Amino acid sequence: MADQNLKFRNQNILVEDRNRASITGVEQVESFNDNTIILKTIKGGMIIKGENLNVDKLNLDDGNVKISGIINGINYVEKISGQKGNIIGKIFK
């Protein structure tokens, strides 16, 4: 039942001075390093690009993430898991 409630929540992104971000509606952190953070959100996959990126606070129970570092861009993507499988599938078609 908790999963059904997640689908109806709003998602908010607050970027402060390009060096801090607060994101709600996060279901999972897929991966992160100094230059890229990949999130699974209630609105789809999200890729955050920048420099010296760090996940400062993560609360998946509430769906909140706080990020610091120089933020160069935030993009939504259709799918984040299985991307490698899709490429391999296209090669062997």
N, C-alpha and C. Protein backbone atom coordinates (compact mmCIF):
# COMPACT_ATOMS: atom_id res chain seq x y z
N MET A 1 0.82 -1.19 0.00
CA MET A 1 0.00 0.00 0.00
C MET A 1 0.86 1.26 0.00
N ALA A 2 2.02 1.19 0.62
CA ALA A 2 2.92 2.34 0.63
C ALA A 2 3.38 2.69 -0.78
N ASP A 3 3.59 1.67 -1.64
CA ASP A 3 4.01 1.93 -3.01
C ASP A 3 2.96 2.71 -3.78
N GLN A 4 1.67 2.44 -3.51
CA GLN A 4 0.62 3.16 -4.21
C GLN A 4 0.62 4.64 -3.80
N ASN A 5 0.91 4.93 -2.55
CA ASN A 5 0.96 6.32 -2.10
C ASN A 5 2.12 7.07 -2.72
N LEU A 6 3.24 6.41 -2.98
CA LEU A 6 4.38 7.06 -3.60
C LEU A 6 4.05 7.57 -4.99
N LYS A 7 3.23 6.87 -5.72
CA LYS A 7 2.92 7.24 -7.10
C LYS A 7 2.12 8.54 -7.18
N PHE A 8 1.45 8.92 -6.11
CA PHE A 8 0.60 10.09 -6.15
C PHE A 8 1.23 11.31 -5.48
N ARG A 9 2.45 11.17 -4.97
CA ARG A 9 3.13 12.30 -4.34
C ARG A 9 3.73 13.21 -5.39
N ASN A 10 3.92 14.43 -5.01
CA ASN A 10 4.59 15.39 -5.88
C ASN A 10 6.10 15.19 -5.80
N GLN A 11 6.77 15.69 -6.81
CA GLN A 11 8.23 15.70 -6.78
C GLN A 11 8.67 17.14 -6.91
N ASN A 12 9.60 17.53 -6.03
CA ASN A 12 10.12 18.89 -6.04
C ASN A 12 11.64 18.85 -6.12
N ILE A 13 12.18 19.84 -6.85
CA ILE A 13 13.62 20.02 -6.94
C ILE A 13 13.91 21.47 -6.59
N LEU A 14 14.75 21.67 -5.58
CA LEU A 14 15.16 23.01 -5.19
C LEU A 14 16.67 23.09 -5.34
N VAL A 15 17.13 23.97 -6.23
CA VAL A 15 18.56 24.17 -6.45
C VAL A 15 18.92 25.54 -5.89
N GLU A 16 19.91 25.56 -5.00
CA GLU A 16 20.34 26.81 -4.38
C GLU A 16 21.75 27.16 -4.85
N ASP A 17 21.88 28.28 -5.53
CA ASP A 17 23.18 28.81 -5.96
C ASP A 17 24.02 27.82 -6.76
N ARG A 18 23.39 26.88 -7.42
CA ARG A 18 24.07 25.86 -8.24
C ARG A 18 25.03 24.99 -7.45
N ASN A 19 24.99 25.05 -6.11
CA ASN A 19 25.90 24.20 -5.35
C ASN A 19 25.20 23.36 -4.28
N ARG A 20 23.89 23.45 -4.20
CA ARG A 20 23.10 22.61 -3.29
C ARG A 20 21.78 22.29 -3.96
N ALA A 21 21.30 21.06 -3.75
CA ALA A 21 19.99 20.68 -4.29
C ALA A 21 19.28 19.80 -3.27
N SER A 22 17.97 20.01 -3.15
CA SER A 22 17.10 19.15 -2.35
C SER A 22 16.07 18.57 -3.30
N ILE A 23 15.93 17.26 -3.29
CA ILE A 23 15.02 16.58 -4.21
C ILE A 23 14.10 15.68 -3.41
N THR A 24 12.80 15.77 -3.68
CA THR A 24 11.82 14.88 -3.04
C THR A 24 11.30 13.91 -4.08
N GLY A 25 10.66 12.85 -3.62
CA GLY A 25 10.11 11.85 -4.54
C GLY A 25 11.14 10.86 -5.04
N VAL A 26 12.23 10.71 -4.30
CA VAL A 26 13.31 9.79 -4.70
C VAL A 26 13.01 8.40 -4.16
N GLU A 27 13.06 7.40 -5.03
CA GLU A 27 12.83 6.02 -4.63
C GLU A 27 14.14 5.27 -4.39
N GLN A 28 15.20 5.63 -5.14
CA GLN A 28 16.45 4.89 -5.04
C GLN A 28 17.59 5.70 -5.65
N VAL A 29 18.77 5.56 -5.07
CA VAL A 29 19.98 6.11 -5.68
C VAL A 29 20.62 4.95 -6.45
N GLU A 30 20.62 5.05 -7.77
CA GLU A 30 21.16 3.98 -8.61
C GLU A 30 22.69 3.95 -8.55
N SER A 31 23.32 5.13 -8.68
CA SER A 31 24.78 5.22 -8.59
C SER A 31 25.16 6.67 -8.42
N PHE A 32 26.39 6.88 -7.92
CA PHE A 32 26.90 8.24 -7.86
C PHE A 32 28.42 8.23 -7.78
N ASN A 33 29.01 9.30 -8.32
CA ASN A 33 30.43 9.56 -8.20
C ASN A 33 30.60 11.08 -8.17
N ASP A 34 31.82 11.55 -8.32
CA ASP A 34 32.07 12.99 -8.22
C ASP A 34 31.40 13.81 -9.32
N ASN A 35 31.11 13.17 -10.46
CA ASN A 35 30.58 13.92 -11.61
C ASN A 35 29.14 13.61 -11.97
N THR A 36 28.59 12.49 -11.49
CA THR A 36 27.24 12.07 -11.90
C THR A 36 26.53 11.39 -10.74
N ILE A 37 25.26 11.75 -10.56
CA ILE A 37 24.38 11.05 -9.62
C ILE A 37 23.17 10.60 -10.41
N ILE A 38 22.84 9.31 -10.31
CA ILE A 38 21.69 8.75 -11.02
C ILE A 38 20.67 8.31 -9.98
N LEU A 39 19.46 8.88 -10.09
CA LEU A 39 18.39 8.60 -9.15
C LEU A 39 17.20 7.96 -9.86
N LYS A 40 16.48 7.13 -9.14
CA LYS A 40 15.18 6.65 -9.60
C LYS A 40 14.15 7.41 -8.78
N THR A 41 13.28 8.16 -9.46
CA THR A 41 12.29 8.98 -8.78
C THR A 41 10.88 8.54 -9.17
N ILE A 42 9.90 9.11 -8.51
CA ILE A 42 8.52 8.76 -8.82
C ILE A 42 8.09 9.28 -10.19
N LYS A 43 8.87 10.18 -10.77
CA LYS A 43 8.58 10.72 -12.10
C LYS A 43 9.50 10.17 -13.18
N GLY A 44 10.34 9.19 -12.85
CA GLY A 44 11.26 8.60 -13.82
C GLY A 44 12.69 8.71 -13.35
N GLY A 45 13.60 8.31 -14.22
CA GLY A 45 15.02 8.39 -13.90
C GLY A 45 15.49 9.83 -13.95
N MET A 46 16.49 10.14 -13.14
CA MET A 46 17.04 11.48 -13.10
C MET A 46 18.56 11.39 -13.06
N ILE A 47 19.22 12.17 -13.91
CA ILE A 47 20.67 12.22 -13.94
C ILE A 47 21.11 13.63 -13.59
N ILE A 48 21.96 13.74 -12.58
CA ILE A 48 22.49 15.02 -12.16
C ILE A 48 23.97 15.03 -12.51
N LYS A 49 24.39 16.02 -13.28
CA LYS A 49 25.78 16.15 -13.71
C LYS A 49 26.40 17.35 -13.02
N GLY A 50 27.69 17.24 -12.70
CA GLY A 50 28.37 18.36 -12.07
C GLY A 50 29.80 18.01 -11.70
N GLU A 51 30.31 18.72 -10.72
CA GLU A 51 31.68 18.53 -10.26
C GLU A 51 31.67 18.44 -8.74
N ASN A 52 32.49 17.54 -8.20
CA ASN A 52 32.59 17.34 -6.75
C ASN A 52 31.23 17.09 -6.10
N LEU A 53 30.38 16.31 -6.78
CA LEU A 53 29.04 16.02 -6.26
C LEU A 53 29.12 15.07 -5.08
N ASN A 54 28.23 15.29 -4.12
CA ASN A 54 28.18 14.46 -2.93
C ASN A 54 26.74 14.34 -2.47
N VAL A 55 26.34 13.13 -2.07
CA VAL A 55 25.02 12.92 -1.47
C VAL A 55 25.18 13.18 0.02
N ASP A 56 24.68 14.33 0.49
CA ASP A 56 24.85 14.72 1.88
C ASP A 56 23.86 14.01 2.80
N LYS A 57 22.60 13.99 2.40
CA LYS A 57 21.57 13.34 3.21
C LYS A 57 20.69 12.50 2.30
N LEU A 58 20.36 11.32 2.77
CA LEU A 58 19.51 10.41 2.00
C LEU A 58 18.52 9.78 2.96
N ASN A 59 17.23 9.97 2.69
CA ASN A 59 16.18 9.35 3.48
C ASN A 59 15.17 8.76 2.51
N LEU A 60 15.32 7.48 2.21
CA LEU A 60 14.42 6.85 1.25
C LEU A 60 13.04 6.60 1.82
N ASP A 61 12.92 6.56 3.16
CA ASP A 61 11.58 6.42 3.76
C ASP A 61 10.71 7.62 3.41
N ASP A 62 11.30 8.82 3.43
CA ASP A 62 10.57 10.03 3.07
C ASP A 62 10.76 10.40 1.60
N GLY A 63 11.75 9.79 0.93
CA GLY A 63 12.01 10.08 -0.47
C GLY A 63 12.80 11.37 -0.67
N ASN A 64 13.62 11.75 0.31
CA ASN A 64 14.36 13.01 0.24
C ASN A 64 15.85 12.77 0.06
N VAL A 65 16.47 13.60 -0.79
CA VAL A 65 17.91 13.56 -1.00
C VAL A 65 18.42 15.00 -1.01
N LYS A 66 19.55 15.21 -0.35
CA LYS A 66 20.23 16.52 -0.41
C LYS A 66 21.60 16.29 -1.04
N ILE A 67 21.92 17.12 -2.02
CA ILE A 67 23.15 16.98 -2.81
C ILE A 67 23.93 18.28 -2.72
N SER A 68 25.26 18.16 -2.64
CA SER A 68 26.12 19.35 -2.68
C SER A 68 27.17 19.16 -3.77
N GLY A 69 27.77 20.26 -4.20
CA GLY A 69 28.75 20.26 -5.28
C GLY A 69 28.32 21.24 -6.35
N ILE A 70 29.09 21.37 -7.39
CA ILE A 70 28.73 22.27 -8.49
C ILE A 70 27.80 21.52 -9.43
N ILE A 71 26.56 21.99 -9.54
CA ILE A 71 25.54 21.32 -10.35
C ILE A 71 25.52 21.97 -11.73
N ASN A 72 25.83 21.17 -12.75
CA ASN A 72 25.84 21.66 -14.13
C ASN A 72 24.55 21.35 -14.88
N GLY A 73 23.83 20.31 -14.46
CA GLY A 73 22.60 19.97 -15.16
C GLY A 73 21.82 18.88 -14.48
N ILE A 74 20.50 18.92 -14.68
CA ILE A 74 19.60 17.88 -14.17
C ILE A 74 18.71 17.46 -15.33
N ASN A 75 18.69 16.16 -15.63
CA ASN A 75 17.89 15.64 -16.74
C ASN A 75 17.03 14.48 -16.28
N TYR A 76 15.82 14.42 -16.80
CA TYR A 76 14.98 13.24 -16.62
C TYR A 76 15.24 12.29 -17.78
N VAL A 77 15.19 11.00 -17.51
CA VAL A 77 15.35 9.98 -18.54
C VAL A 77 14.22 8.96 -18.39
N GLU A 78 13.89 8.30 -19.50
CA GLU A 78 12.81 7.31 -19.49
C GLU A 78 13.14 6.13 -18.60
N LYS A 79 14.31 5.51 -18.84
CA LYS A 79 14.70 4.32 -18.09
C LYS A 79 16.13 4.48 -17.62
N ILE A 80 16.37 4.03 -16.40
CA ILE A 80 17.75 4.07 -15.92
C ILE A 80 18.29 2.67 -15.71
N SER A 81 17.45 1.71 -15.32
CA SER A 81 17.97 0.36 -15.18
C SER A 81 17.79 -0.38 -16.49
N GLY A 82 18.73 -1.20 -16.79
CA GLY A 82 18.66 -2.00 -18.01
C GLY A 82 19.10 -1.26 -19.25
N GLN A 83 19.72 -0.11 -19.12
CA GLN A 83 20.17 0.63 -20.30
C GLN A 83 21.18 -0.17 -21.09
N LYS A 84 22.09 -0.86 -20.41
CA LYS A 84 23.10 -1.66 -21.12
C LYS A 84 22.42 -2.78 -21.89
N GLY A 85 21.40 -3.38 -21.31
CA GLY A 85 20.67 -4.44 -22.00
C GLY A 85 20.01 -3.93 -23.26
N ASN A 86 19.49 -2.72 -23.23
CA ASN A 86 18.86 -2.14 -24.41
C ASN A 86 19.87 -1.94 -25.53
N ILE A 87 21.06 -1.48 -25.20
CA ILE A 87 22.09 -1.27 -26.22
C ILE A 87 22.50 -2.60 -26.84
N ILE A 88 22.72 -3.60 -26.00
CA ILE A 88 23.09 -4.91 -26.51
C ILE A 88 21.96 -5.51 -27.35
N GLY A 89 20.73 -5.28 -26.90
CA GLY A 89 19.59 -5.77 -27.67
C GLY A 89 19.52 -5.14 -29.05
N LYS A 90 19.85 -3.85 -29.15
CA LYS A 90 19.84 -3.17 -30.44
C LYS A 90 20.96 -3.68 -31.35
N ILE A 91 22.10 -4.00 -30.76
CA ILE A 91 23.23 -4.49 -31.55
C ILE A 91 22.88 -5.83 -32.18
N PHE A 92 22.22 -6.71 -31.45
CA PHE A 92 21.95 -8.06 -31.94
C PHE A 92 20.63 -8.18 -32.68
N LYS A 93 19.95 -7.10 -32.95
CA LYS A 93 18.68 -7.15 -33.72
C LYS A 93 18.94 -7.47 -35.16
